[in-house]
Amino acid sequence: RMLLFFGVVPGGILLLNAFSLKVMTLGEGEAA
């Protein structure tokens, strides 16, 4: 239960922002 508490929301946020993270690999200026 503790692992689910720490894992579900942060993990979901990371996966939902996967595309933004991918764009940021181009550089922060290009991403902005």
PDB file of all heavy atoms in Angstrom:
ATOM      1  N   ARG A   1       0.830  -1.212   0.000  1.00  0.00           N
ATOM      2  CA  ARG A   1       0.000   0.000   0.000  1.00  0.00           C
ATOM      3  C   ARG A   1       0.860   1.256   0.000  1.00  0.00           C
ATOM      4  O   ARG A   1       0.523   2.250  -0.669  1.00  0.00           O
ATOM      5  CB  ARG A   1      -0.941  -0.018   1.207  1.00  0.00           C
ATOM      6  CG  ARG A   1      -2.097  -0.995   1.073  1.00  0.00           C
ATOM      7  CD  ARG A   1      -3.127  -0.813   2.169  1.00  0.00           C
ATOM      8  NE  ARG A   1      -2.660  -1.363   3.434  1.00  0.00           N
ATOM      9  CZ  ARG A   1      -2.857  -2.610   3.829  1.00  0.00           C
ATOM     10  NH1 ARG A   1      -3.495  -3.453   3.036  1.00  0.00           N
ATOM     11  NH2 ARG A   1      -2.423  -3.024   5.006  1.00  0.00           N
ATOM     12  N   MET A   2       1.980   1.243   0.725  1.00  0.00           N
ATOM     13  CA  MET A   2       2.858   2.408   0.755  1.00  0.00           C
ATOM     14  C   MET A   2       3.461   2.674  -0.624  1.00  0.00           C
ATOM     15  O   MET A   2       3.533   3.820  -1.083  1.00  0.00           O
ATOM     16  CB  MET A   2       3.975   2.216   1.786  1.00  0.00           C
ATOM     17  CG  MET A   2       4.886   3.429   1.917  1.00  0.00           C
ATOM     18  SD  MET A   2       6.204   3.225   3.127  1.00  0.00           S
ATOM     19  CE  MET A   2       5.264   3.242   4.651  1.00  0.00           C
ATOM     20  N   LEU A   3       3.870   1.606  -1.306  1.00  0.00           N
ATOM     21  CA  LEU A   3       4.439   1.772  -2.641  1.00  0.00           C
ATOM     22  C   LEU A   3       3.394   2.313  -3.617  1.00  0.00           C
ATOM     23  O   LEU A   3       3.703   3.163  -4.459  1.00  0.00           O
ATOM     24  CB  LEU A   3       4.997   0.433  -3.139  1.00  0.00           C
ATOM     25  CG  LEU A   3       6.288  -0.029  -2.467  1.00  0.00           C
ATOM     26  CD1 LEU A   3       6.609  -1.469  -2.866  1.00  0.00           C
ATOM     27  CD2 LEU A   3       7.462   0.884  -2.834  1.00  0.00           C
ATOM     28  N   LEU A   4       2.168   1.820  -3.517  1.00  0.00           N
ATOM     29  CA  LEU A   4       1.107   2.346  -4.375  1.00  0.00           C
ATOM     30  C   LEU A   4       0.841   3.820  -4.078  1.00  0.00           C
ATOM     31  O   LEU A   4       0.619   4.623  -4.988  1.00  0.00           O
ATOM     32  CB  LEU A   4      -0.174   1.529  -4.186  1.00  0.00           C
ATOM     33  CG  LEU A   4      -0.146   0.103  -4.747  1.00  0.00           C
ATOM     34  CD1 LEU A   4      -1.388  -0.671  -4.316  1.00  0.00           C
ATOM     35  CD2 LEU A   4      -0.024   0.123  -6.261  1.00  0.00           C
ATOM     36  N   PHE A   5       0.891   4.177  -2.791  1.00  0.00           N
ATOM     37  CA  PHE A   5       0.679   5.576  -2.395  1.00  0.00           C
ATOM     38  C   PHE A   5       1.735   6.488  -3.021  1.00  0.00           C
ATOM     39  O   PHE A   5       1.432   7.572  -3.530  1.00  0.00           O
ATOM     40  CB  PHE A   5       0.711   5.679  -0.872  1.00  0.00           C
ATOM     41  CG  PHE A   5       0.667   7.089  -0.345  1.00  0.00           C
ATOM     42  CD1 PHE A   5      -0.530   7.782  -0.301  1.00  0.00           C
ATOM     43  CD2 PHE A   5       1.819   7.722   0.093  1.00  0.00           C
ATOM     44  CE1 PHE A   5      -0.584   9.092   0.180  1.00  0.00           C
ATOM     45  CE2 PHE A   5       1.777   9.024   0.571  1.00  0.00           C
ATOM     46  CZ  PHE A   5       0.576   9.709   0.612  1.00  0.00           C
ATOM     47  N   PHE A   6       2.992   6.051  -2.967  1.00  0.00           N
ATOM     48  CA  PHE A   6       4.082   6.858  -3.510  1.00  0.00           C
ATOM     49  C   PHE A   6       4.193   6.748  -5.034  1.00  0.00           C
ATOM     50  O   PHE A   6       4.800   7.620  -5.664  1.00  0.00           O
ATOM     51  CB  PHE A   6       5.421   6.431  -2.902  1.00  0.00           C
ATOM     52  CG  PHE A   6       5.732   7.077  -1.581  1.00  0.00           C
ATOM     53  CD1 PHE A   6       5.503   6.408  -0.397  1.00  0.00           C
ATOM     54  CD2 PHE A   6       6.259   8.350  -1.518  1.00  0.00           C
ATOM     55  CE1 PHE A   6       5.788   6.997   0.830  1.00  0.00           C
ATOM     56  CE2 PHE A   6       6.563   8.949  -0.308  1.00  0.00           C
ATOM     57  CZ  PHE A   6       6.312   8.268   0.868  1.00  0.00           C
ATOM     58  N   GLY A   7       3.641   5.673  -5.610  1.00  0.00           N
ATOM     59  CA  GLY A   7       3.914   5.405  -7.014  1.00  0.00           C
ATOM     60  C   GLY A   7       2.858   5.813  -8.010  1.00  0.00           C
ATOM     61  O   GLY A   7       3.187   6.265  -9.111  1.00  0.00           O
ATOM     62  N   VAL A   8       1.575   5.685  -7.648  1.00  0.00           N
ATOM     63  CA  VAL A   8       0.519   5.835  -8.650  1.00  0.00           C
ATOM     64  C   VAL A   8       0.439   7.257  -9.193  1.00  0.00           C
ATOM     65  O   VAL A   8       0.498   7.478 -10.416  1.00  0.00           O
ATOM     66  CB  VAL A   8      -0.842   5.404  -8.065  1.00  0.00           C
ATOM     67  CG1 VAL A   8      -1.970   5.760  -9.031  1.00  0.00           C
ATOM     68  CG2 VAL A   8      -0.843   3.902  -7.800  1.00  0.00           C
ATOM     69  N   VAL A   9       0.326   8.249  -8.313  1.00  0.00           N
ATOM     70  CA  VAL A   9       0.161   9.630  -8.784  1.00  0.00           C
ATOM     71  C   VAL A   9       1.429  10.179  -9.446  1.00  0.00           C
ATOM     72  O   VAL A   9       1.371  10.680 -10.580  1.00  0.00           O
ATOM     73  CB  VAL A   9      -0.314  10.552  -7.631  1.00  0.00           C
ATOM     74  CG1 VAL A   9      -0.343  12.007  -8.079  1.00  0.00           C
ATOM     75  CG2 VAL A   9      -1.703  10.126  -7.161  1.00  0.00           C
ATOM     76  N   PRO A  10       2.615  10.101  -8.785  1.00  0.00           N
ATOM     77  CA  PRO A  10       3.836  10.595  -9.463  1.00  0.00           C
ATOM     78  C   PRO A  10       4.115   9.864 -10.764  1.00  0.00           C
ATOM     79  O   PRO A  10       4.506  10.482 -11.763  1.00  0.00           O
ATOM     80  CB  PRO A  10       4.938  10.338  -8.432  1.00  0.00           C
ATOM     81  CG  PRO A  10       4.237  10.270  -7.127  1.00  0.00           C
ATOM     82  CD  PRO A  10       2.913   9.658  -7.407  1.00  0.00           C
ATOM     83  N   GLY A  11       3.916   8.533 -10.759  1.00  0.00           N
ATOM     84  CA  GLY A  11       4.147   7.776 -11.986  1.00  0.00           C
ATOM     85  C   GLY A  11       3.202   8.191 -13.090  1.00  0.00           C
ATOM     86  O   GLY A  11       3.595   8.346 -14.252  1.00  0.00           O
ATOM     87  N   GLY A  12       1.917   8.389 -12.734  1.00  0.00           N
ATOM     88  CA  GLY A  12       0.944   8.821 -13.729  1.00  0.00           C
ATOM     89  C   GLY A  12       1.278  10.191 -14.306  1.00  0.00           C
ATOM     90  O   GLY A  12       1.151  10.419 -15.517  1.00  0.00           O
ATOM     91  N   ILE A  13       1.716  11.107 -13.444  1.00  0.00           N
ATOM     92  CA  ILE A  13       2.082  12.446 -13.915  1.00  0.00           C
ATOM     93  C   ILE A  13       3.266  12.368 -14.883  1.00  0.00           C
ATOM     94  O   ILE A  13       3.271  13.038 -15.929  1.00  0.00           O
ATOM     95  CB  ILE A  13       2.412  13.360 -12.722  1.00  0.00           C
ATOM     96  CG1 ILE A  13       1.144  13.659 -11.922  1.00  0.00           C
ATOM     97  CG2 ILE A  13       3.067  14.667 -13.190  1.00  0.00           C
ATOM     98  CD1 ILE A  13       1.396  14.397 -10.622  1.00  0.00           C
ATOM     99  N   LEU A  14       4.261  11.565 -14.543  1.00  0.00           N
ATOM    100  CA  LEU A  14       5.420  11.426 -15.435  1.00  0.00           C
ATOM    101  C   LEU A  14       5.007  10.886 -16.799  1.00  0.00           C
ATOM    102  O   LEU A  14       5.438  11.395 -17.843  1.00  0.00           O
ATOM    103  CB  LEU A  14       6.457  10.498 -14.809  1.00  0.00           C
ATOM    104  CG  LEU A  14       7.500  11.107 -13.886  1.00  0.00           C
ATOM    105  CD1 LEU A  14       8.441  10.025 -13.369  1.00  0.00           C
ATOM    106  CD2 LEU A  14       8.298  12.195 -14.594  1.00  0.00           C
ATOM    107  N   LEU A  15       4.179   9.848 -16.796  1.00  0.00           N
ATOM    108  CA  LEU A  15       3.768   9.251 -18.067  1.00  0.00           C
ATOM    109  C   LEU A  15       2.905  10.211 -18.880  1.00  0.00           C
ATOM    110  O   LEU A  15       3.018  10.257 -20.111  1.00  0.00           O
ATOM    111  CB  LEU A  15       3.018   7.944 -17.800  1.00  0.00           C
ATOM    112  CG  LEU A  15       3.869   6.811 -17.200  1.00  0.00           C
ATOM    113  CD1 LEU A  15       2.993   5.620 -16.836  1.00  0.00           C
ATOM    114  CD2 LEU A  15       4.976   6.386 -18.157  1.00  0.00           C
ATOM    115  N   LEU A  16       2.058  10.987 -18.220  1.00  0.00           N
ATOM    116  CA  LEU A  16       1.224  11.961 -18.927  1.00  0.00           C
ATOM    117  C   LEU A  16       2.060  13.093 -19.527  1.00  0.00           C
ATOM    118  O   LEU A  16       1.655  13.711 -20.516  1.00  0.00           O
ATOM    119  CB  LEU A  16       0.169  12.535 -17.983  1.00  0.00           C
ATOM    120  CG  LEU A  16      -0.976  11.586 -17.598  1.00  0.00           C
ATOM    121  CD1 LEU A  16      -1.851  12.214 -16.530  1.00  0.00           C
ATOM    122  CD2 LEU A  16      -1.809  11.216 -18.828  1.00  0.00           C
ATOM    123  N   ASN A  17       3.213  13.375 -18.905  1.00  0.00           N
ATOM    124  CA  ASN A  17       4.096  14.436 -19.404  1.00  0.00           C
ATOM    125  C   ASN A  17       5.230  13.903 -20.267  1.00  0.00           C
ATOM    126  O   ASN A  17       6.197  14.615 -20.514  1.00  0.00           O
ATOM    127  CB  ASN A  17       4.683  15.223 -18.228  1.00  0.00           C
ATOM    128  CG  ASN A  17       3.700  16.241 -17.674  1.00  0.00           C
ATOM    129  OD1 ASN A  17       3.510  17.317 -18.228  1.00  0.00           O
ATOM    130  ND2 ASN A  17       3.056  15.878 -16.576  1.00  0.00           N
ATOM    131  N   ALA A  18       5.090  12.662 -20.723  1.00  0.00           N
ATOM    132  CA  ALA A  18       6.166  12.043 -21.503  1.00  0.00           C
ATOM    133  C   ALA A  18       6.476  12.834 -22.778  1.00  0.00           C
ATOM    134  O   ALA A  18       7.641  13.023 -23.147  1.00  0.00           O
ATOM    135  CB  ALA A  18       5.798  10.605 -21.857  1.00  0.00           C
ATOM    136  N   PHE A  19       5.428  13.333 -23.449  1.00  0.00           N
ATOM    137  CA  PHE A  19       5.669  14.072 -24.688  1.00  0.00           C
ATOM    138  C   PHE A  19       6.421  15.374 -24.407  1.00  0.00           C
ATOM    139  O   PHE A  19       7.348  15.743 -25.147  1.00  0.00           O
ATOM    140  CB  PHE A  19       4.351  14.376 -25.397  1.00  0.00           C
ATOM    141  CG  PHE A  19       4.522  15.159 -26.665  1.00  0.00           C
ATOM    142  CD1 PHE A  19       5.013  14.550 -27.806  1.00  0.00           C
ATOM    143  CD2 PHE A  19       4.218  16.518 -26.712  1.00  0.00           C
ATOM    144  CE1 PHE A  19       5.201  15.285 -28.984  1.00  0.00           C
ATOM    145  CE2 PHE A  19       4.397  17.248 -27.875  1.00  0.00           C
ATOM    146  CZ  PHE A  19       4.885  16.634 -29.020  1.00  0.00           C
ATOM    147  N   SER A  20       6.031  16.086 -23.342  1.00  0.00           N
ATOM    148  CA  SER A  20       6.718  17.335 -22.994  1.00  0.00           C
ATOM    149  C   SER A  20       8.188  17.072 -22.667  1.00  0.00           C
ATOM    150  O   SER A  20       9.071  17.851 -23.046  1.00  0.00           O
ATOM    151  CB  SER A  20       6.029  17.998 -21.803  1.00  0.00           C
ATOM    152  OG  SER A  20       4.709  18.370 -22.139  1.00  0.00           O
ATOM    153  N   LEU A  21       8.447  15.969 -21.948  1.00  0.00           N
ATOM    154  CA  LEU A  21       9.835  15.616 -21.641  1.00  0.00           C
ATOM    155  C   LEU A  21      10.621  15.313 -22.915  1.00  0.00           C
ATOM    156  O   LEU A  21      11.782  15.697 -23.050  1.00  0.00           O
ATOM    157  CB  LEU A  21       9.879  14.398 -20.713  1.00  0.00           C
ATOM    158  CG  LEU A  21       9.915  14.668 -19.210  1.00  0.00           C
ATOM    159  CD1 LEU A  21       9.836  13.359 -18.441  1.00  0.00           C
ATOM    160  CD2 LEU A  21      11.171  15.430 -18.826  1.00  0.00           C
ATOM    161  N   LYS A  22       9.959  14.643 -23.847  1.00  0.00           N
ATOM    162  CA  LYS A  22      10.608  14.340 -25.126  1.00  0.00           C
ATOM    163  C   LYS A  22      10.968  15.630 -25.864  1.00  0.00           C
ATOM    164  O   LYS A  22      12.084  15.776 -26.393  1.00  0.00           O
ATOM    165  CB  LYS A  22       9.675  13.485 -25.984  1.00  0.00           C
ATOM    166  CG  LYS A  22      10.189  13.228 -27.394  1.00  0.00           C
ATOM    167  CD  LYS A  22       9.142  12.514 -28.220  1.00  0.00           C
ATOM    168  CE  LYS A  22       9.610  12.362 -29.674  1.00  0.00           C
ATOM    169  NZ  LYS A  22       8.575  11.698 -30.510  1.00  0.00           N
ATOM    170  N   VAL A  23      10.048  16.576 -25.876  1.00  0.00           N
ATOM    171  CA  VAL A  23      10.309  17.860 -26.550  1.00  0.00           C
ATOM    172  C   VAL A  23      11.467  18.586 -25.870  1.00  0.00           C
ATOM    173  O   VAL A  23      12.292  19.235 -26.537  1.00  0.00           O
ATOM    174  CB  VAL A  23       9.034  18.725 -26.564  1.00  0.00           C
ATOM    175  CG1 VAL A  23       9.339  20.117 -27.107  1.00  0.00           C
ATOM    176  CG2 VAL A  23       7.952  18.056 -27.396  1.00  0.00           C
ATOM    177  N   MET A  24      11.571  18.489 -24.534  1.00  0.00           N
ATOM    178  CA  MET A  24      12.629  19.180 -23.811  1.00  0.00           C
ATOM    179  C   MET A  24      14.014  18.629 -24.111  1.00  0.00           C
ATOM    180  O   MET A  24      15.014  19.295 -23.847  1.00  0.00           O
ATOM    181  CB  MET A  24      12.360  19.135 -22.308  1.00  0.00           C
ATOM    182  CG  MET A  24      11.247  20.100 -21.883  1.00  0.00           C
ATOM    183  SD  MET A  24      10.966  20.135 -20.107  1.00  0.00           S
ATOM    184  CE  MET A  24      12.519  20.831 -19.516  1.00  0.00           C
ATOM    185  N   THR A  25      14.077  17.411 -24.682  1.00  0.00           N
ATOM    186  CA  THR A  25      15.392  16.891 -25.082  1.00  0.00           C
ATOM    187  C   THR A  25      15.976  17.688 -26.250  1.00  0.00           C
ATOM    188  O   THR A  25      17.177  17.606 -26.520  1.00  0.00           O
ATOM    189  CB  THR A  25      15.294  15.401 -25.487  1.00  0.00           C
ATOM    190  OG1 THR A  25      14.406  15.252 -26.600  1.00  0.00           O
ATOM    191  CG2 THR A  25      14.796  14.560 -24.325  1.00  0.00           C
ATOM    192  N   LEU A  26      15.142  18.467 -26.943  1.00  0.00           N
ATOM    193  CA  LEU A  26      15.626  19.325 -28.029  1.00  0.00           C
ATOM    194  C   LEU A  26      16.342  20.563 -27.493  1.00  0.00           C
ATOM    195  O   LEU A  26      17.034  21.254 -28.239  1.00  0.00           O
ATOM    196  CB  LEU A  26      14.452  19.768 -28.907  1.00  0.00           C
ATOM    197  CG  LEU A  26      13.616  18.664 -29.562  1.00  0.00           C
ATOM    198  CD1 LEU A  26      12.396  19.266 -30.253  1.00  0.00           C
ATOM    199  CD2 LEU A  26      14.469  17.874 -30.546  1.00  0.00           C
ATOM    200  N   GLY A  27      16.148  20.839 -26.199  1.00  0.00           N
ATOM    201  CA  GLY A  27      16.683  22.057 -25.605  1.00  0.00           C
ATOM    202  C   GLY A  27      15.545  22.886 -25.048  1.00  0.00           C
ATOM    203  O   GLY A  27      14.436  22.895 -25.612  1.00  0.00           O
ATOM    204  N   GLU A  28      15.795  23.572 -23.936  1.00  0.00           N
ATOM    205  CA  GLU A  28      14.712  24.301 -23.272  1.00  0.00           C
ATOM    206  C   GLU A  28      14.195  25.458 -24.124  1.00  0.00           C
ATOM    207  O   GLU A  28      13.009  25.786 -24.078  1.00  0.00           O
ATOM    208  CB  GLU A  28      15.180  24.792 -21.902  1.00  0.00           C
ATOM    209  CG  GLU A  28      15.451  23.646 -20.937  1.00  0.00           C
ATOM    210  CD  GLU A  28      15.333  24.061 -19.489  1.00  0.00           C
ATOM    211  OE1 GLU A  28      14.916  25.214 -19.227  1.00  0.00           O
ATOM    212  OE2 GLU A  28      15.650  23.248 -18.617  1.00  0.00           O
ATOM    213  N   GLY A  29      15.091  26.102 -24.893  1.00  0.00           N
ATOM    214  CA  GLY A  29      14.654  27.195 -25.766  1.00  0.00           C
ATOM    215  C   GLY A  29      13.696  26.706 -26.829  1.00  0.00           C
ATOM    216  O   GLY A  29      12.631  27.304 -27.056  1.00  0.00           O
ATOM    217  N   GLU A  30      14.048  25.621 -27.494  1.00  0.00           N
ATOM    218  CA  GLU A  30      13.176  25.054 -28.520  1.00  0.00           C
ATOM    219  C   GLU A  30      11.870  24.557 -27.925  1.00  0.00           C
ATOM    220  O   GLU A  30      10.797  24.730 -28.506  1.00  0.00           O
ATOM    221  CB  GLU A  30      13.887  23.897 -29.238  1.00  0.00           C
ATOM    222  CG  GLU A  30      15.052  24.312 -30.120  1.00  0.00           C
ATOM    223  CD  GLU A  30      16.344  24.533 -29.335  1.00  0.00           C
ATOM    224  OE1 GLU A  30      16.287  24.490 -28.073  1.00  0.00           O
ATOM    225  OE2 GLU A  30      17.382  24.765 -29.974  1.00  0.00           O
ATOM    226  N   ALA A  31      11.951  23.932 -26.746  1.00  0.00           N
ATOM    227  CA  ALA A  31      10.744  23.422 -26.099  1.00  0.00           C
ATOM    228  C   ALA A  31       9.797  24.569 -25.738  1.00  0.00           C
ATOM    229  O   ALA A  31       8.579  24.474 -25.941  1.00  0.00           O
ATOM    230  CB  ALA A  31      11.117  22.627 -24.844  1.00  0.00           C
ATOM    231  N   ALA A  32      10.345  25.667 -25.205  1.00  0.00           N
ATOM    232  CA  ALA A  32       9.521  26.819 -24.858  1.00  0.00           C
ATOM    233  C   ALA A  32       8.862  27.415 -26.100  1.00  0.00           C
ATOM    234  O   ALA A  32       7.697  27.830 -26.066  1.00  0.00           O
ATOM    235  CB  ALA A  32      10.360  27.872 -24.151  1.00  0.00           C
TER     236      ALA A  32
END
